[in-house]
Amino acid sequence: MPKTAKKKTAQKVPKDKILDQLIQNNLILQSKIIDLVKSNESLTSEMKTMINFFREAGEQMTLESEDERLKPLINKIGELLEQNRVILRGLILVQKYIKTTSATETPTKPSFGSPLDSSF
């Protein structure tokens, strides 16, 4: 019987060590889980930033394509403006010509003797 008493004592020590080891491993595991959650939150934040970056890039690409579609129209409007300037210059020259010719060629009214001015 003395042998069985030693076995019970020998078995108790390893159980305590095992329990202590399990507790320590559990604490280490909990800290690692906390680290994992923090890194997951960081990753999520970075992914949101990246998604916003791609969203803004897509919007810029859309705006650029609209500008490219409007480019021919803008060019035509520019050409029309230039044509309007040329027409305006021409009209101004015609107006000046009319003014100069009408000033030099003022028609004189023929003076016929008026019946009141004639003396008999």
PDB file of N, CA and C in Angstrom:
ATOM      1  N   MET A   1       0.768  -1.191   0.000  1.00  0.00           N
ATOM      2  CA  MET A   1       0.000   0.000   0.000  1.00  0.00           C
ATOM      3  C   MET A   1       0.818   1.267   0.000  1.00  0.00           C
ATOM      4  N   PRO A   2       1.929   1.257   0.452  1.00  0.00           N
ATOM      5  CA  PRO A   2       2.705   2.478   0.409  1.00  0.00           C
ATOM      6  C   PRO A   2       2.979   2.915  -1.027  1.00  0.00           C
ATOM      7  N   LYS A   3       3.000   2.023  -1.940  1.00  0.00           N
ATOM      8  CA  LYS A   3       3.252   2.389  -3.331  1.00  0.00           C
ATOM      9  C   LYS A   3       2.086   3.181  -3.899  1.00  0.00           C
ATOM     10  N   THR A   4       0.895   2.857  -3.567  1.00  0.00           N
ATOM     11  CA  THR A   4      -0.252   3.575  -4.097  1.00  0.00           C
ATOM     12  C   THR A   4      -0.308   4.996  -3.561  1.00  0.00           C
ATOM     13  N   ALA A   5       0.146   5.209  -2.369  1.00  0.00           N
ATOM     14  CA  ALA A   5       0.167   6.557  -1.814  1.00  0.00           C
ATOM     15  C   ALA A   5       1.147   7.421  -2.592  1.00  0.00           C
ATOM     16  N   LYS A   6       2.247   6.841  -2.967  1.00  0.00           N
ATOM     17  CA  LYS A   6       3.221   7.598  -3.757  1.00  0.00           C
ATOM     18  C   LYS A   6       2.663   7.924  -5.141  1.00  0.00           C
ATOM     19  N   LYS A   7       1.901   7.030  -5.723  1.00  0.00           N
ATOM     20  CA  LYS A   7       1.340   7.275  -7.039  1.00  0.00           C
ATOM     21  C   LYS A   7       0.335   8.426  -6.993  1.00  0.00           C
ATOM     22  N   LYS A   8      -0.469   8.500  -5.954  1.00  0.00           N
ATOM     23  CA  LYS A   8      -1.432   9.585  -5.843  1.00  0.00           C
ATOM     24  C   LYS A   8      -0.716  10.915  -5.713  1.00  0.00           C
ATOM     25  N   THR A   9       0.358  10.974  -4.969  1.00  0.00           N
ATOM     26  CA  THR A   9       1.127  12.196  -4.817  1.00  0.00           C
ATOM     27  C   THR A   9       1.822  12.535  -6.126  1.00  0.00           C
ATOM     28  N   ALA A  10       2.350  11.564  -6.795  1.00  0.00           N
ATOM     29  CA  ALA A  10       3.038  11.794  -8.056  1.00  0.00           C
ATOM     30  C   ALA A  10       2.050  12.251  -9.121  1.00  0.00           C
ATOM     31  N   GLN A  11       0.861  11.760  -9.100  1.00  0.00           N
ATOM     32  CA  GLN A  11      -0.136  12.157 -10.079  1.00  0.00           C
ATOM     33  C   GLN A  11      -0.665  13.566  -9.795  1.00  0.00           C
ATOM     34  N   LYS A  12      -0.701  13.993  -8.560  1.00  0.00           N
ATOM     35  CA  LYS A  12      -1.188  15.317  -8.220  1.00  0.00           C
ATOM     36  C   LYS A  12      -0.249  16.402  -8.729  1.00  0.00           C
ATOM     37  N   VAL A  13       0.999  16.205  -8.654  1.00  0.00           N
ATOM     38  CA  VAL A  13       1.955  17.217  -9.083  1.00  0.00           C
ATOM     39  C   VAL A  13       1.823  17.483 -10.569  1.00  0.00           C
ATOM     40  N   PRO A  14       1.820  16.495 -11.398  1.00  0.00           N
ATOM     41  CA  PRO A  14       1.680  16.777 -12.816  1.00  0.00           C
ATOM     42  C   PRO A  14       0.332  17.433 -13.147  1.00  0.00           C
ATOM     43  N   LYS A  15      -0.742  17.109 -12.467  1.00  0.00           N
ATOM     44  CA  LYS A  15      -2.036  17.732 -12.735  1.00  0.00           C
ATOM     45  C   LYS A  15      -1.962  19.221 -12.430  1.00  0.00           C
ATOM     46  N   ASP A  16      -1.322  19.581 -11.330  1.00  0.00           N
ATOM     47  CA  ASP A  16      -1.173  20.993 -10.992  1.00  0.00           C
ATOM     48  C   ASP A  16      -0.326  21.708 -12.039  1.00  0.00           C
ATOM     49  N   LYS A  17       0.737  21.046 -12.449  1.00  0.00           N
ATOM     50  CA  LYS A  17       1.576  21.638 -13.486  1.00  0.00           C
ATOM     51  C   LYS A  17       0.807  21.771 -14.795  1.00  0.00           C
ATOM     52  N   ILE A  18       0.017  20.763 -15.095  1.00  0.00           N
ATOM     53  CA  ILE A  18      -0.766  20.795 -16.327  1.00  0.00           C
ATOM     54  C   ILE A  18      -1.802  21.911 -16.258  1.00  0.00           C
ATOM     55  N   LEU A  19      -2.452  22.046 -15.109  1.00  0.00           N
ATOM     56  CA  LEU A  19      -3.420  23.121 -14.944  1.00  0.00           C
ATOM     57  C   LEU A  19      -2.747  24.486 -15.056  1.00  0.00           C
ATOM     58  N   ASP A  20      -1.590  24.630 -14.411  1.00  0.00           N
ATOM     59  CA  ASP A  20      -0.849  25.887 -14.515  1.00  0.00           C
ATOM     60  C   ASP A  20      -0.450  26.162 -15.966  1.00  0.00           C
ATOM     61  N   GLN A  21       0.014  25.127 -16.631  1.00  0.00           N
ATOM     62  CA  GLN A  21       0.412  25.277 -18.038  1.00  0.00           C
ATOM     63  C   GLN A  21      -0.796  25.627 -18.906  1.00  0.00           C
ATOM     64  N   LEU A  22      -1.941  25.001 -18.646  1.00  0.00           N
ATOM     65  CA  LEU A  22      -3.158  25.313 -19.402  1.00  0.00           C
ATOM     66  C   LEU A  22      -3.593  26.755 -19.157  1.00  0.00           C
ATOM     67  N   ILE A  23      -3.495  27.190 -17.929  1.00  0.00           N
ATOM     68  CA  ILE A  23      -3.868  28.574 -17.610  1.00  0.00           C
ATOM     69  C   ILE A  23      -2.942  29.551 -18.323  1.00  0.00           C
ATOM     70  N   GLN A  24      -1.650  29.276 -18.290  1.00  0.00           N
ATOM     71  CA  GLN A  24      -0.685  30.151 -18.966  1.00  0.00           C
ATOM     72  C   GLN A  24      -0.919  30.156 -20.480  1.00  0.00           C
ATOM     73  N   ASN A  25      -1.143  28.976 -21.021  1.00  0.00           N
ATOM     74  CA  ASN A  25      -1.406  28.892 -22.465  1.00  0.00           C
ATOM     75  C   ASN A  25      -2.701  29.628 -22.835  1.00  0.00           C
ATOM     76  N   ASN A  26      -3.691  29.513 -21.964  1.00  0.00           N
ATOM     77  CA  ASN A  26      -4.941  30.206 -22.204  1.00  0.00           C
ATOM     78  C   ASN A  26      -4.728  31.725 -22.189  1.00  0.00           C
ATOM     79  N   LEU A  27      -3.950  32.230 -21.247  1.00  0.00           N
ATOM     80  CA  LEU A  27      -3.651  33.661 -21.175  1.00  0.00           C
ATOM     81  C   LEU A  27      -2.868  34.123 -22.402  1.00  0.00           C
ATOM     82  N   ILE A  28      -1.896  33.325 -22.806  1.00  0.00           N
ATOM     83  CA  ILE A  28      -1.124  33.659 -24.005  1.00  0.00           C
ATOM     84  C   ILE A  28      -2.033  33.661 -25.233  1.00  0.00           C
ATOM     85  N   LEU A  29      -2.913  32.672 -25.303  1.00  0.00           N
ATOM     86  CA  LEU A  29      -3.839  32.587 -26.426  1.00  0.00           C
ATOM     87  C   LEU A  29      -4.778  33.796 -26.455  1.00  0.00           C
ATOM     88  N   GLN A  30      -5.245  34.211 -25.290  1.00  0.00           N
ATOM     89  CA  GLN A  30      -6.113  35.388 -25.223  1.00  0.00           C
ATOM     90  C   GLN A  30      -5.385  36.643 -25.698  1.00  0.00           C
ATOM     91  N   SER A  31      -4.128  36.793 -25.284  1.00  0.00           N
ATOM     92  CA  SER A  31      -3.375  37.974 -25.735  1.00  0.00           C
ATOM     93  C   SER A  31      -3.138  37.929 -27.241  1.00  0.00           C
ATOM     94  N   LYS A  32      -2.901  36.729 -27.771  1.00  0.00           N
ATOM     95  CA  LYS A  32      -2.722  36.599 -29.220  1.00  0.00           C
ATOM     96  C   LYS A  32      -4.023  36.893 -29.959  1.00  0.00           C
ATOM     97  N   ILE A  33      -5.145  36.490 -29.389  1.00  0.00           N
ATOM     98  CA  ILE A  33      -6.441  36.785 -30.004  1.00  0.00           C
ATOM     99  C   ILE A  33      -6.676  38.294 -30.011  1.00  0.00           C
ATOM    100  N   ILE A  34      -6.320  38.976 -28.918  1.00  0.00           N
ATOM    101  CA  ILE A  34      -6.447  40.435 -28.856  1.00  0.00           C
ATOM    102  C   ILE A  34      -5.569  41.077 -29.919  1.00  0.00           C
ATOM    103  N   ASP A  35      -4.335  40.587 -30.071  1.00  0.00           N
ATOM    104  CA  ASP A  35      -3.448  41.114 -31.120  1.00  0.00           C
ATOM    105  C   ASP A  35      -4.050  40.884 -32.504  1.00  0.00           C
ATOM    106  N   LEU A  36      -4.637  39.719 -32.690  1.00  0.00           N
ATOM    107  CA  LEU A  36      -5.254  39.399 -33.976  1.00  0.00           C
ATOM    108  C   LEU A  36      -6.433  40.327 -34.261  1.00  0.00           C
ATOM    109  N   VAL A  37      -7.243  40.607 -33.252  1.00  0.00           N
ATOM    110  CA  VAL A  37      -8.380  41.508 -33.433  1.00  0.00           C
ATOM    111  C   VAL A  37      -7.877  42.906 -33.779  1.00  0.00           C
ATOM    112  N   LYS A  38      -6.836  43.376 -33.096  1.00  0.00           N
ATOM    113  CA  LYS A  38      -6.288  44.709 -33.382  1.00  0.00           C
ATOM    114  C   LYS A  38      -5.737  44.780 -34.799  1.00  0.00           C
ATOM    115  N   SER A  39      -5.019  43.743 -35.212  1.00  0.00           N
ATOM    116  CA  SER A  39      -4.464  43.763 -36.570  1.00  0.00           C
ATOM    117  C   SER A  39      -5.587  43.663 -37.604  1.00  0.00           C
ATOM    118  N   ASN A  40      -6.646  42.943 -37.271  1.00  0.00           N
ATOM    119  CA  ASN A  40      -7.800  42.861 -38.174  1.00  0.00           C
ATOM    120  C   ASN A  40      -8.472  44.221 -38.303  1.00  0.00           C
ATOM    121  N   GLU A  41      -8.593  44.962 -37.214  1.00  0.00           N
ATOM    122  CA  GLU A  41      -9.160  46.309 -37.267  1.00  0.00           C
ATOM    123  C   GLU A  41      -8.272  47.232 -38.107  1.00  0.00           C
ATOM    124  N   SER A  42      -6.967  47.105 -37.937  1.00  0.00           N
ATOM    125  CA  SER A  42      -6.038  47.910 -38.720  1.00  0.00           C
ATOM    126  C   SER A  42      -6.158  47.579 -40.206  1.00  0.00           C
ATOM    127  N   LEU A  43      -6.245  46.301 -40.497  1.00  0.00           N
ATOM    128  CA  LEU A  43      -6.396  45.875 -41.888  1.00  0.00           C
ATOM    129  C   LEU A  43      -7.700  46.396 -42.479  1.00  0.00           C
ATOM    130  N   THR A  44      -8.761  46.348 -41.712  1.00  0.00           N
ATOM    131  CA  THR A  44     -10.050  46.853 -42.167  1.00  0.00           C
ATOM    132  C   THR A  44      -9.966  48.346 -42.468  1.00  0.00           C
ATOM    133  N   SER A  45      -9.305  49.086 -41.598  1.00  0.00           N
ATOM    134  CA  SER A  45      -9.142  50.521 -41.805  1.00  0.00           C
ATOM    135  C   SER A  45      -8.345  50.800 -43.079  1.00  0.00           C
ATOM    136  N   GLU A  46      -7.286  50.070 -43.284  1.00  0.00           N
ATOM    137  CA  GLU A  46      -6.474  50.257 -44.485  1.00  0.00           C
ATOM    138  C   GLU A  46      -7.246  49.870 -45.743  1.00  0.00           C
ATOM    139  N   MET A  47      -8.061  48.841 -45.649  1.00  0.00           N
ATOM    140  CA  MET A  47      -8.869  48.433 -46.795  1.00  0.00           C
ATOM    141  C   MET A  47      -9.898  49.513 -47.138  1.00  0.00           C
ATOM    142  N   LYS A  48     -10.492  50.131 -46.110  1.00  0.00           N
ATOM    143  CA  LYS A  48     -11.437  51.219 -46.367  1.00  0.00           C
ATOM    144  C   LYS A  48     -10.740  52.368 -47.078  1.00  0.00           C
ATOM    145  N   THR A  49      -9.521  52.684 -46.630  1.00  0.00           N
ATOM    146  CA  THR A  49      -8.755  53.754 -47.270  1.00  0.00           C
ATOM    147  C   THR A  49      -8.475  53.410 -48.735  1.00  0.00           C
ATOM    148  N   MET A  50      -8.097  52.176 -48.977  1.00  0.00           N
ATOM    149  CA  MET A  50      -7.793  51.750 -50.340  1.00  0.00           C
ATOM    150  C   MET A  50      -9.044  51.779 -51.219  1.00  0.00           C
ATOM    151  N   ILE A  51     -10.177  51.361 -50.669  1.00  0.00           N
ATOM    152  CA  ILE A  51     -11.425  51.377 -51.425  1.00  0.00           C
ATOM    153  C   ILE A  51     -11.805  52.812 -51.774  1.00  0.00           C
ATOM    154  N   ASN A  52     -11.655  53.724 -50.821  1.00  0.00           N
ATOM    155  CA  ASN A  52     -11.943  55.135 -51.097  1.00  0.00           C
ATOM    156  C   ASN A  52     -11.020  55.677 -52.180  1.00  0.00           C
ATOM    157  N   PHE A  53      -9.755  55.259 -52.136  1.00  0.00           N
ATOM    158  CA  PHE A  53      -8.795  55.693 -53.158  1.00  0.00           C
ATOM    159  C   PHE A  53      -9.245  55.227 -54.543  1.00  0.00           C
ATOM    160  N   PHE A  54      -9.627  53.960 -54.651  1.00  0.00           N
ATOM    161  CA  PHE A  54     -10.074  53.441 -55.940  1.00  0.00           C
ATOM    162  C   PHE A  54     -11.379  54.100 -56.380  1.00  0.00           C
ATOM    163  N   ARG A  55     -12.256  54.402 -55.437  1.00  0.00           N
ATOM    164  CA  ARG A  55     -13.509  55.071 -55.777  1.00  0.00           C
ATOM    165  C   ARG A  55     -13.222  56.454 -56.356  1.00  0.00           C
ATOM    166  N   GLU A  56     -12.332  57.205 -55.706  1.00  0.00           N
ATOM    167  CA  GLU A  56     -11.971  58.534 -56.209  1.00  0.00           C
ATOM    168  C   GLU A  56     -11.290  58.444 -57.568  1.00  0.00           C
ATOM    169  N   ALA A  57     -10.438  57.446 -57.750  1.00  0.00           N
ATOM    170  CA  ALA A  57      -9.772  57.266 -59.046  1.00  0.00           C
ATOM    171  C   ALA A  57     -10.803  56.980 -60.134  1.00  0.00           C
ATOM    172  N   GLY A  58     -11.792  56.167 -59.817  1.00  0.00           N
ATOM    173  CA  GLY A  58     -12.848  55.870 -60.784  1.00  0.00           C
ATOM    174  C   GLY A  58     -13.647  57.107 -61.143  1.00  0.00           C
ATOM    175  N   GLU A  59     -13.937  57.940 -60.147  1.00  0.00           N
ATOM    176  CA  GLU A  59     -14.665  59.182 -60.421  1.00  0.00           C
ATOM    177  C   GLU A  59     -13.835  60.102 -61.308  1.00  0.00           C
ATOM    178  N   GLN A  60     -12.535  60.172 -61.057  1.00  0.00           N
ATOM    179  CA  GLN A  60     -11.665  61.009 -61.889  1.00  0.00           C
ATOM    180  C   GLN A  60     -11.635  60.492 -63.320  1.00  0.00           C
ATOM    181  N   MET A  61     -11.596  59.176 -63.476  1.00  0.00           N
ATOM    182  CA  MET A  61     -11.589  58.600 -64.822  1.00  0.00           C
ATOM    183  C   MET A  61     -12.896  58.928 -65.538  1.00  0.00           C
ATOM    184  N   THR A  62     -14.006  58.916 -64.815  1.00  0.00           N
ATOM    185  CA  THR A  62     -15.296  59.253 -65.407  1.00  0.00           C
ATOM    186  C   THR A  62     -15.304  60.707 -65.849  1.00  0.00           C
ATOM    187  N   LEU A  63     -14.781  61.590 -65.009  1.00  0.00           N
ATOM    188  CA  LEU A  63     -14.731  63.004 -65.367  1.00  0.00           C
ATOM    189  C   LEU A  63     -13.853  63.233 -66.582  1.00  0.00           C
ATOM    190  N   GLU A  64     -12.726  62.533 -66.647  1.00  0.00           N
ATOM    191  CA  GLU A  64     -11.838  62.682 -67.792  1.00  0.00           C
ATOM    192  C   GLU A  64     -12.522  62.220 -69.068  1.00  0.00           C
ATOM    193  N   SER A  65     -13.273  61.132 -69.000  1.00  0.00           N
ATOM    194  CA  SER A  65     -13.927  60.648 -70.212  1.00  0.00           C
ATOM    195  C   SER A  65     -15.010  61.631 -70.659  1.00  0.00           C
ATOM    196  N   GLU A  66     -15.693  62.301 -69.717  1.00  0.00           N
ATOM    197  CA  GLU A  66     -16.674  63.318 -70.089  1.00  0.00           C
ATOM    198  C   GLU A  66     -15.980  64.494 -70.772  1.00  0.00           C
ATOM    199  N   ASP A  67     -14.809  64.886 -70.266  1.00  0.00           N
ATOM    200  CA  ASP A  67     -14.064  65.970 -70.896  1.00  0.00           C
ATOM    201  C   ASP A  67     -13.660  65.595 -72.313  1.00  0.00           C
ATOM    202  N   GLU A  68     -13.271  64.351 -72.506  1.00  0.00           N
ATOM    203  CA  GLU A  68     -12.868  63.907 -73.837  1.00  0.00           C
ATOM    204  C   GLU A  68     -14.058  63.925 -74.795  1.00  0.00           C
ATOM    205  N   ARG A  69     -15.247  63.602 -74.299  1.00  0.00           N
ATOM    206  CA  ARG A  69     -16.429  63.634 -75.161  1.00  0.00           C
ATOM    207  C   ARG A  69     -16.810  65.063 -75.512  1.00  0.00           C
ATOM    208  N   LEU A  70     -16.581  65.980 -74.600  1.00  0.00           N
ATOM    209  CA  LEU A  70     -16.946  67.378 -74.840  1.00  0.00           C
ATOM    210  C   LEU A  70     -15.883  68.135 -75.627  1.00  0.00           C
ATOM    211  N   LYS A  71     -14.717  67.570 -75.778  1.00  0.00           N
ATOM    212  CA  LYS A  71     -13.617  68.265 -76.448  1.00  0.00           C
ATOM    213  C   LYS A  71     -13.978  68.694 -77.875  1.00  0.00           C
ATOM    214  N   PRO A  72     -14.567  67.831 -78.718  1.00  0.00           N
ATOM    215  CA  PRO A  72     -14.928  68.290 -80.073  1.00  0.00           C
ATOM    216  C   PRO A  72     -15.940  69.440 -80.038  1.00  0.00           C
ATOM    217  N   LEU A  73     -16.889  69.373 -79.132  1.00  0.00           N
ATOM    218  CA  LEU A  73     -17.880  70.441 -79.021  1.00  0.00           C
ATOM    219  C   LEU A  73     -17.218  71.751 -78.599  1.00  0.00           C
ATOM    220  N   ILE A  74     -16.309  71.675 -77.676  1.00  0.00           N
ATOM    221  CA  ILE A  74     -15.590  72.871 -77.226  1.00  0.00           C
ATOM    222  C   ILE A  74     -14.768  73.454 -78.368  1.00  0.00           C
ATOM    223  N   ASN A  75     -14.138  72.594 -79.158  1.00  0.00           N
ATOM    224  CA  ASN A  75     -13.374  73.071 -80.318  1.00  0.00           C
ATOM    225  C   ASN A  75     -14.276  73.778 -81.325  1.00  0.00           C
ATOM    226  N   LYS A  76     -15.468  73.221 -81.585  1.00  0.00           N
ATOM    227  CA  LYS A  76     -16.395  73.849 -82.534  1.00  0.00           C
ATOM    228  C   LYS A  76     -16.876  75.190 -82.015  1.00  0.00           C
ATOM    229  N   ILE A  77     -17.133  75.277 -80.722  1.00  0.00           N
ATOM    230  CA  ILE A  77     -17.551  76.557 -80.135  1.00  0.00           C
ATOM    231  C   ILE A  77     -16.433  77.587 -80.280  1.00  0.00           C
ATOM    232  N   GLY A  78     -15.190  77.160 -80.096  1.00  0.00           N
ATOM    233  CA  GLY A  78     -14.054  78.059 -80.292  1.00  0.00           C
ATOM    234  C   GLY A  78     -13.973  78.556 -81.720  1.00  0.00           C
ATOM    235  N   GLU A  79     -14.207  77.658 -82.677  1.00  0.00           N
ATOM    236  CA  GLU A  79     -14.200  78.064 -84.085  1.00  0.00           C
ATOM    237  C   GLU A  79     -15.309  79.063 -84.375  1.00  0.00           C
ATOM    238  N   LEU A  80     -16.501  78.832 -83.805  1.00  0.00           N
ATOM    239  CA  LEU A  80     -17.614  79.766 -84.002  1.00  0.00           C
ATOM    240  C   LEU A  80     -17.302  81.131 -83.408  1.00  0.00           C
ATOM    241  N   LEU A  81     -16.653  81.154 -82.266  1.00  0.00           N
ATOM    242  CA  LEU A  81     -16.259  82.432 -81.671  1.00  0.00           C
ATOM    243  C   LEU A  81     -15.307  83.196 -82.581  1.00  0.00           C
ATOM    244  N   GLU A  82     -14.359  82.480 -83.154  1.00  0.00           N
ATOM    245  CA  GLU A  82     -13.409  83.130 -84.062  1.00  0.00           C
ATOM    246  C   GLU A  82     -14.128  83.654 -85.298  1.00  0.00           C
ATOM    247  N   GLN A  83     -15.069  82.883 -85.839  1.00  0.00           N
ATOM    248  CA  GLN A  83     -15.842  83.349 -86.992  1.00  0.00           C
ATOM    249  C   GLN A  83     -16.659  84.584 -86.631  1.00  0.00           C
ATOM    250  N   ASN A  84     -17.241  84.602 -85.441  1.00  0.00           N
ATOM    251  CA  ASN A  84     -18.009  85.772 -85.004  1.00  0.00           C
ATOM    252  C   ASN A  84     -17.108  86.998 -84.883  1.00  0.00           C
ATOM    253  N   ARG A  85     -15.895  86.832 -84.440  1.00  0.00           N
ATOM    254  CA  ARG A  85     -14.954  87.960 -84.355  1.00  0.00           C
ATOM    255  C   ARG A  85     -14.662  88.520 -85.746  1.00  0.00           C
ATOM    256  N   VAL A  86     -14.439  87.608 -86.711  1.00  0.00           N
ATOM    257  CA  VAL A  86     -14.155  88.040 -88.079  1.00  0.00           C
ATOM    258  C   VAL A  86     -15.357  88.789 -88.650  1.00  0.00           C
ATOM    259  N   ILE A  87     -16.554  88.261 -88.436  1.00  0.00           N
ATOM    260  CA  ILE A  87     -17.763  88.931 -88.936  1.00  0.00           C
ATOM    261  C   ILE A  87     -17.920  90.291 -88.281  1.00  0.00           C
ATOM    262  N   LEU A  88     -17.666  90.379 -86.987  1.00  0.00           N
ATOM    263  CA  LEU A  88     -17.773  91.645 -86.274  1.00  0.00           C
ATOM    264  C   LEU A  88     -16.790  92.669 -86.832  1.00  0.00           C
ATOM    265  N   ARG A  89     -15.560  92.257 -87.096  1.00  0.00           N
ATOM    266  CA  ARG A  89     -14.575  93.178 -87.688  1.00  0.00           C
ATOM    267  C   ARG A  89     -15.060  93.670 -89.044  1.00  0.00           C
ATOM    268  N   GLY A  90     -15.615  92.750 -89.829  1.00  0.00           N
ATOM    269  CA  GLY A  90     -16.134  93.132 -91.142  1.00  0.00           C
ATOM    270  C   GLY A  90     -17.270  94.135 -91.029  1.00  0.00           C
ATOM    271  N   LEU A  91     -18.176  93.913 -90.089  1.00  0.00           N
ATOM    272  CA  LEU A  91     -19.293  94.848 -89.906  1.00  0.00           C
ATOM    273  C   LEU A  91     -18.801  96.217 -89.456  1.00  0.00           C
ATOM    274  N   ILE A  92     -17.804  96.222 -88.596  1.00  0.00           N
ATOM    275  CA  ILE A  92     -17.241  97.500 -88.139  1.00  0.00           C
ATOM    276  C   ILE A  92     -16.608  98.244 -89.314  1.00  0.00           C
ATOM    277  N   LEU A  93     -15.888  97.520 -90.178  1.00  0.00           N
ATOM    278  CA  LEU A  93     -15.281  98.159 -91.352  1.00  0.00           C
ATOM    279  C   LEU A  93     -16.350  98.703 -92.296  1.00  0.00           C
ATOM    280  N   VAL A  94     -17.429  97.956 -92.493  1.00  0.00           N
ATOM    281  CA  VAL A  94     -18.514  98.419 -93.360  1.00  0.00           C
ATOM    282  C   VAL A  94     -19.152  99.664 -92.765  1.00  0.00           C
ATOM    283  N   GLN A  95     -19.346  99.662 -91.447  1.00  0.00           N
ATOM    284  CA  GLN A  95     -19.936 100.832 -90.783  1.00  0.00           C
ATOM    285  C   GLN A  95     -19.038 102.056 -90.955  1.00  0.00           C
ATOM    286  N   LYS A  96     -17.731 101.872 -90.772  1.00  0.00           N
ATOM    287  CA  LYS A  96     -16.801 102.998 -90.944  1.00  0.00           C
ATOM    288  C   LYS A  96     -16.821 103.497 -92.384  1.00  0.00           C
ATOM    289  N   TYR A  97     -16.877 102.575 -93.341  1.00  0.00           N
ATOM    290  CA  TYR A  97     -16.919 102.948 -94.749  1.00  0.00           C
ATOM    291  C   TYR A  97     -18.166 103.771 -95.054  1.00  0.00           C
ATOM    292  N   ILE A  98     -19.298 103.310 -94.526  1.00  0.00           N
ATOM    293  CA  ILE A  98     -20.552 104.041 -94.770  1.00  0.00           C
ATOM    294  C   ILE A  98     -20.478 105.424 -94.153  1.00  0.00           C
ATOM    295  N   LYS A  99     -19.916 105.532 -92.968  1.00  0.00           N
ATOM    296  CA  LYS A  99     -19.807 106.842 -92.325  1.00  0.00           C
ATOM    297  C   LYS A  99     -18.902 107.769 -93.121  1.00  0.00           C
ATOM    298  N   THR A 100     -17.773 107.267 -93.585  1.00  0.00           N
ATOM    299  CA  THR A 100     -16.847 108.128 -94.330  1.00  0.00           C
ATOM    300  C   THR A 100     -17.430 108.521 -95.676  1.00  0.00           C
ATOM    301  N   THR A 101     -18.091 107.631 -96.359  1.00  0.00           N
ATOM    302  CA  THR A 101     -18.656 107.979 -97.662  1.00  0.00           C
ATOM    303  C   THR A 101     -19.855 108.890 -97.512  1.00  0.00           C
ATOM    304  N   SER A 102     -20.635 108.722 -96.491  1.00  0.00           N
ATOM    305  CA  SER A 102     -21.803 109.595 -96.329  1.00  0.00           C
ATOM    306  C   SER A 102     -21.371 110.973 -95.858  1.00  0.00           C
ATOM    307  N   ALA A 103     -20.254 111.077 -95.175  1.00  0.00           N
ATOM    308  CA  ALA A 103     -19.779 112.392 -94.731  1.00  0.00           C
ATOM    309  C   ALA A 103     -19.191 113.165 -95.899  1.00  0.00           C
ATOM    310  N   THR A 104     -18.513 112.518 -96.821  1.00  0.00           N
ATOM    311  CA  THR A 104     -17.900 113.211 -97.948  1.00  0.00           C
ATOM    312  C   THR A 104     -18.910 113.482 -99.055  1.00  0.00           C
ATOM    313  N   GLU A 105     -19.919 112.688 -99.193  1.00  0.00           N
ATOM    314  CA  GLU A 105     -20.899 112.848-100.263  1.00  0.00           C
ATOM    315  C   GLU A 105     -22.243 113.289 -99.710  1.00  0.00           C
ATOM    316  N   THR A 106     -22.260 114.313 -98.936  1.00  0.00           N
ATOM    317  CA  THR A 106     -23.541 114.781 -98.421  1.00  0.00           C
ATOM    318  C   THR A 106     -24.308 115.412 -99.569  1.00  0.00           C
ATOM    319  N   PRO A 107     -25.403 114.875 -99.843  1.00  0.00           N
ATOM    320  CA  PRO A 107     -26.164 115.422-100.968  1.00  0.00           C
ATOM    321  C   PRO A 107     -26.695 116.806-100.620  1.00  0.00           C
ATOM    322  N   THR A 108     -26.507 117.709-101.548  1.00  0.00           N
ATOM    323  CA  THR A 108     -27.012 119.066-101.357  1.00  0.00           C
ATOM    324  C   THR A 108     -28.375 119.148-102.002  1.00  0.00           C
ATOM    325  N   LYS A 109     -29.217 119.775-101.338  1.00  0.00           N
ATOM    326  CA  LYS A 109     -30.573 119.920-101.867  1.00  0.00           C
ATOM    327  C   LYS A 109     -30.540 120.962-102.987  1.00  0.00           C
ATOM    328  N   PRO A 110     -31.164 120.661-104.059  1.00  0.00           N
ATOM    329  CA  PRO A 110     -31.205 121.671-105.118  1.00  0.00           C
ATOM    330  C   PRO A 110     -32.037 122.866-104.645  1.00  0.00           C
ATOM    331  N   SER A 111     -31.511 124.000-104.855  1.00  0.00           N
ATOM    332  CA  SER A 111     -32.238 125.182-104.398  1.00  0.00           C
ATOM    333  C   SER A 111     -32.990 125.774-105.576  1.00  0.00           C
ATOM    334  N   PHE A 112     -34.181 125.580-105.503  1.00  0.00           N
ATOM    335  CA  PHE A 112     -35.076 126.205-106.457  1.00  0.00           C
ATOM    336  C   PHE A 112     -35.626 127.427-105.785  1.00  0.00           C
ATOM    337  N   GLY A 113     -35.820 128.355-106.469  1.00  0.00           N
ATOM    338  CA  GLY A 113     -36.329 129.593-105.860  1.00  0.00           C
ATOM    339  C   GLY A 113     -37.687 129.351-105.271  1.00  0.00           C
ATOM    340  N   SER A 114     -37.794 129.747-104.061  1.00  0.00           N
ATOM    341  CA  SER A 114     -39.055 129.582-103.411  1.00  0.00           C
ATOM    342  C   SER A 114     -39.945 130.765-103.780  1.00  0.00           C
ATOM    343  N   PRO A 115     -41.196 130.563-103.848  1.00  0.00           N
ATOM    344  CA  PRO A 115     -42.067 131.623-104.274  1.00  0.00           C
ATOM    345  C   PRO A 115     -42.060 132.797-103.296  1.00  0.00           C
ATOM    346  N   LEU A 116     -41.736 132.575-102.085  1.00  0.00           N
ATOM    347  CA  LEU A 116     -41.717 133.671-101.138  1.00  0.00           C
ATOM    348  C   LEU A 116     -40.480 134.513-101.294  1.00  0.00           C
ATOM    349  N   ASP A 117     -39.411 133.946-101.742  1.00  0.00           N
ATOM    350  CA  ASP A 117     -38.156 134.686-101.860  1.00  0.00           C
ATOM    351  C   ASP A 117     -38.112 135.493-103.154  1.00  0.00           C
ATOM    352  N   SER A 118     -38.891 135.157-104.070  1.00  0.00           N
ATOM    353  CA  SER A 118     -38.773 135.884-105.327  1.00  0.00           C
ATOM    354  C   SER A 118     -39.426 137.268-105.200  1.00  0.00           C
ATOM    355  N   SER A 119     -38.721 138.164-105.669  1.00  0.00           N
ATOM    356  CA  SER A 119     -39.229 139.537-105.617  1.00  0.00           C
ATOM    357  C   SER A 119     -39.641 139.941-107.014  1.00  0.00           C
ATOM    358  N   PHE A 120     -40.724 140.568-107.144  1.00  0.00           N
ATOM    359  CA  PHE A 120     -41.237 141.004-108.411  1.00  0.00           C
ATOM    360  C   PHE A 120     -41.030 142.412-108.600  1.00  0.00           C
TER     361      PHE A 120
END
